[in-house]
Amino acid sequence: MDINLQAVTWLGVFVVMLIVEAITLGLTTIWFAGGALVAFGLAIAGVDTLLQIVAFCVVSVVLLIATRPAAVRWLNRGRVKTNAESLVGAAAVVTEAIDNLAGKGRVQVKGQSWAACTVADDIQIEAGKQVKVTKISGVKLIVEEV
């Protein structure tokens, strides 16, 4: 393949990835745009096609693994948890003793009554105890004693 055609191809891949990223805003293709940009530079330098493809793949994967977690944290830093998400980490009071094996247990959290269970079946928590919501599973809060 002609070097100029390779460069134009990689530049096209780069532009398409940026357009898709701009449309989705989901951090899905930006990593591949970086890989395409590196491959474009290699094509301009006259490097072999196979090496361009390998560089595209390697750079894309490295960018994805190395920067995506930090980018996601940065983008979500101002996000306010809503509805049920806001209950994770909240303090609650057991209103009905929690016994996973008996299928019983309720807690009062932020003015609402929720079905609750513990993290393990062998843990039981008496009514009146204070607990912390660790996660939500379906319509039940998973709690642990404070």
Protein backbone atom coordinates (compact mmCIF):
# COMPACT_ATOMS: atom_id res chain seq x y z
CA MET A 1 0.00 0.00 0.00
CA ASP A 2 1.30 3.47 -0.82
CA ILE A 3 2.63 5.39 2.19
CA ASN A 4 0.35 8.36 1.55
CA LEU A 5 -2.68 6.09 1.28
CA GLN A 6 -1.74 4.44 4.58
CA ALA A 7 -1.44 7.84 6.26
CA VAL A 8 -4.80 8.95 4.87
CA THR A 9 -6.37 5.68 6.05
CA TRP A 10 -5.06 6.11 9.59
CA LEU A 11 -6.11 9.75 9.58
CA GLY A 12 -9.58 8.61 8.50
CA VAL A 13 -9.71 6.06 11.33
CA PHE A 14 -8.63 8.81 13.75
CA VAL A 15 -11.36 11.20 12.56
CA VAL A 16 -14.06 8.48 12.65
CA MET A 17 -13.08 7.54 16.22
CA LEU A 18 -13.24 11.18 17.30
CA ILE A 19 -16.66 11.62 15.68
CA VAL A 20 -18.01 8.49 17.37
CA GLU A 21 -16.59 9.69 20.69
CA ALA A 22 -18.15 13.12 20.25
CA ILE A 23 -21.54 11.55 19.52
CA THR A 24 -21.50 9.00 22.36
CA LEU A 25 -19.53 10.88 25.05
CA GLY A 26 -18.97 7.53 26.70
CA LEU A 27 -15.20 7.14 26.58
CA THR A 28 -15.57 4.30 24.10
CA THR A 29 -13.39 5.14 21.12
CA ILE A 30 -11.03 7.88 22.28
CA TRP A 31 -8.38 5.26 23.12
CA PHE A 32 -8.48 3.93 19.56
CA ALA A 33 -8.18 7.47 18.23
CA GLY A 34 -4.88 7.69 20.10
CA GLY A 35 -3.73 4.43 18.54
CA ALA A 36 -4.74 5.66 15.09
CA LEU A 37 -2.80 8.88 15.62
CA VAL A 38 0.36 6.92 16.47
CA ALA A 39 -0.16 4.65 13.44
CA PHE A 40 -0.67 7.78 11.29
CA GLY A 41 2.70 9.11 12.47
CA LEU A 42 4.35 5.79 11.65
CA ALA A 43 2.78 5.79 8.19
CA ILE A 44 4.13 9.29 7.55
CA ALA A 45 7.57 8.03 8.65
CA GLY A 46 7.33 5.16 6.15
CA VAL A 47 7.19 2.32 8.69
CA ASP A 48 5.94 -1.11 7.53
CA THR A 49 2.15 -1.68 7.52
CA LEU A 50 2.32 -4.61 9.95
CA LEU A 51 4.20 -2.48 12.48
CA GLN A 52 1.60 0.27 12.07
CA ILE A 53 -1.20 -2.19 12.87
CA VAL A 54 0.67 -3.60 15.85
CA ALA A 55 1.38 -0.08 17.15
CA PHE A 56 -2.29 0.86 16.72
CA CYS A 57 -3.38 -2.18 18.76
CA VAL A 58 -0.74 -1.83 21.47
CA VAL A 59 -1.18 1.93 21.95
CA SER A 60 -4.98 1.60 22.01
CA VAL A 61 -4.92 -1.15 24.64
CA VAL A 62 -2.29 0.62 26.78
CA LEU A 63 -4.29 3.87 26.69
CA LEU A 64 -7.46 1.98 27.56
CA ILE A 65 -5.93 0.15 30.52
CA ALA A 66 -3.75 2.98 31.82
CA THR A 67 -6.03 5.99 31.53
CA ARG A 68 -9.68 4.88 31.44
CA PRO A 69 -10.15 4.37 35.22
CA ALA A 70 -8.73 7.82 35.98
CA ALA A 71 -10.78 9.42 33.19
CA VAL A 72 -14.00 7.79 34.42
CA ARG A 73 -13.31 8.98 37.99
CA TRP A 74 -12.61 12.49 36.71
CA LEU A 75 -15.79 12.61 34.64
CA ASN A 76 -17.93 11.27 37.51
CA ARG A 77 -16.42 13.44 40.25
CA GLY A 78 -19.31 15.93 40.30
CA ARG A 79 -22.02 13.34 39.80
CA VAL A 80 -24.62 13.31 42.55
CA LYS A 81 -25.92 9.91 43.56
CA THR A 82 -29.68 9.73 43.24
CA ASN A 83 -32.48 7.54 44.51
CA ALA A 84 -31.35 4.14 45.75
CA GLU A 85 -27.67 4.81 44.92
CA SER A 86 -27.61 7.43 47.66
CA LEU A 87 -28.39 4.78 50.28
CA VAL A 88 -25.09 2.92 49.89
CA GLY A 89 -22.90 3.95 52.82
CA ALA A 90 -25.84 5.40 54.76
CA ALA A 91 -26.61 4.57 58.39
CA ALA A 92 -29.85 2.74 59.12
CA VAL A 93 -31.73 1.32 62.11
CA VAL A 94 -33.01 -2.26 62.15
CA THR A 95 -36.80 -2.18 62.68
CA GLU A 96 -37.35 -5.93 62.25
CA ALA A 97 -34.64 -8.42 63.23
CA ILE A 98 -32.58 -9.48 60.22
CA ASP A 99 -32.32 -13.22 59.62
CA ASN A 100 -31.38 -14.25 56.09
CA LEU A 101 -32.34 -17.91 56.59
CA ALA A 102 -35.83 -16.96 57.79
CA GLY A 103 -36.15 -14.34 55.04
CA LYS A 104 -36.90 -11.57 57.53
CA GLY A 105 -35.48 -8.16 58.15
CA ARG A 106 -36.30 -4.51 57.68
CA VAL A 107 -34.40 -1.30 58.23
CA GLN A 108 -35.33 2.37 58.39
CA VAL A 109 -33.01 4.58 56.34
CA LYS A 110 -33.52 8.21 55.35
CA GLY A 111 -37.16 8.03 56.40
CA GLN A 112 -37.93 4.94 54.34
CA SER A 113 -38.50 1.34 55.31
CA TRP A 114 -36.55 -1.22 53.27
CA ALA A 115 -36.27 -5.00 53.26
CA ALA A 116 -32.76 -5.91 54.38
CA CYS A 117 -30.39 -8.82 54.70
CA THR A 118 -26.86 -9.28 55.98
CA VAL A 119 -23.73 -10.03 53.97
CA ALA A 120 -23.67 -13.65 55.21
CA ASP A 121 -26.44 -16.08 56.15
CA ASP A 122 -24.91 -16.86 59.56
CA ILE A 123 -25.11 -13.21 60.70
CA GLN A 124 -28.27 -12.06 62.46
CA ILE A 125 -28.93 -8.52 63.68
CA GLU A 126 -31.47 -7.63 66.35
CA ALA A 127 -34.09 -4.88 66.06
CA GLY A 128 -32.87 -1.51 67.31
CA LYS A 129 -29.25 -2.01 66.20
CA GLN A 130 -27.54 0.49 63.94
CA VAL A 131 -26.27 -0.80 60.60
CA LYS A 132 -24.53 0.53 57.50
CA VAL A 133 -25.82 -0.11 53.98
CA THR A 134 -23.02 -1.77 51.98
CA LYS A 135 -24.86 -2.36 48.71
CA ILE A 136 -28.25 -2.91 47.11
CA SER A 137 -29.36 -6.22 45.65
CA GLY A 138 -32.64 -5.99 43.81
CA VAL A 139 -35.12 -4.47 46.28
CA LYS A 140 -33.13 -5.40 49.40
CA LEU A 141 -30.44 -3.48 51.17
CA ILE A 142 -27.36 -5.47 52.18
CA VAL A 143 -26.25 -4.23 55.59
CA GLU A 144 -23.57 -4.81 58.19
CA GLU A 145 -23.66 -3.96 61.85
CA VAL A 146 -21.81 -0.80 62.85
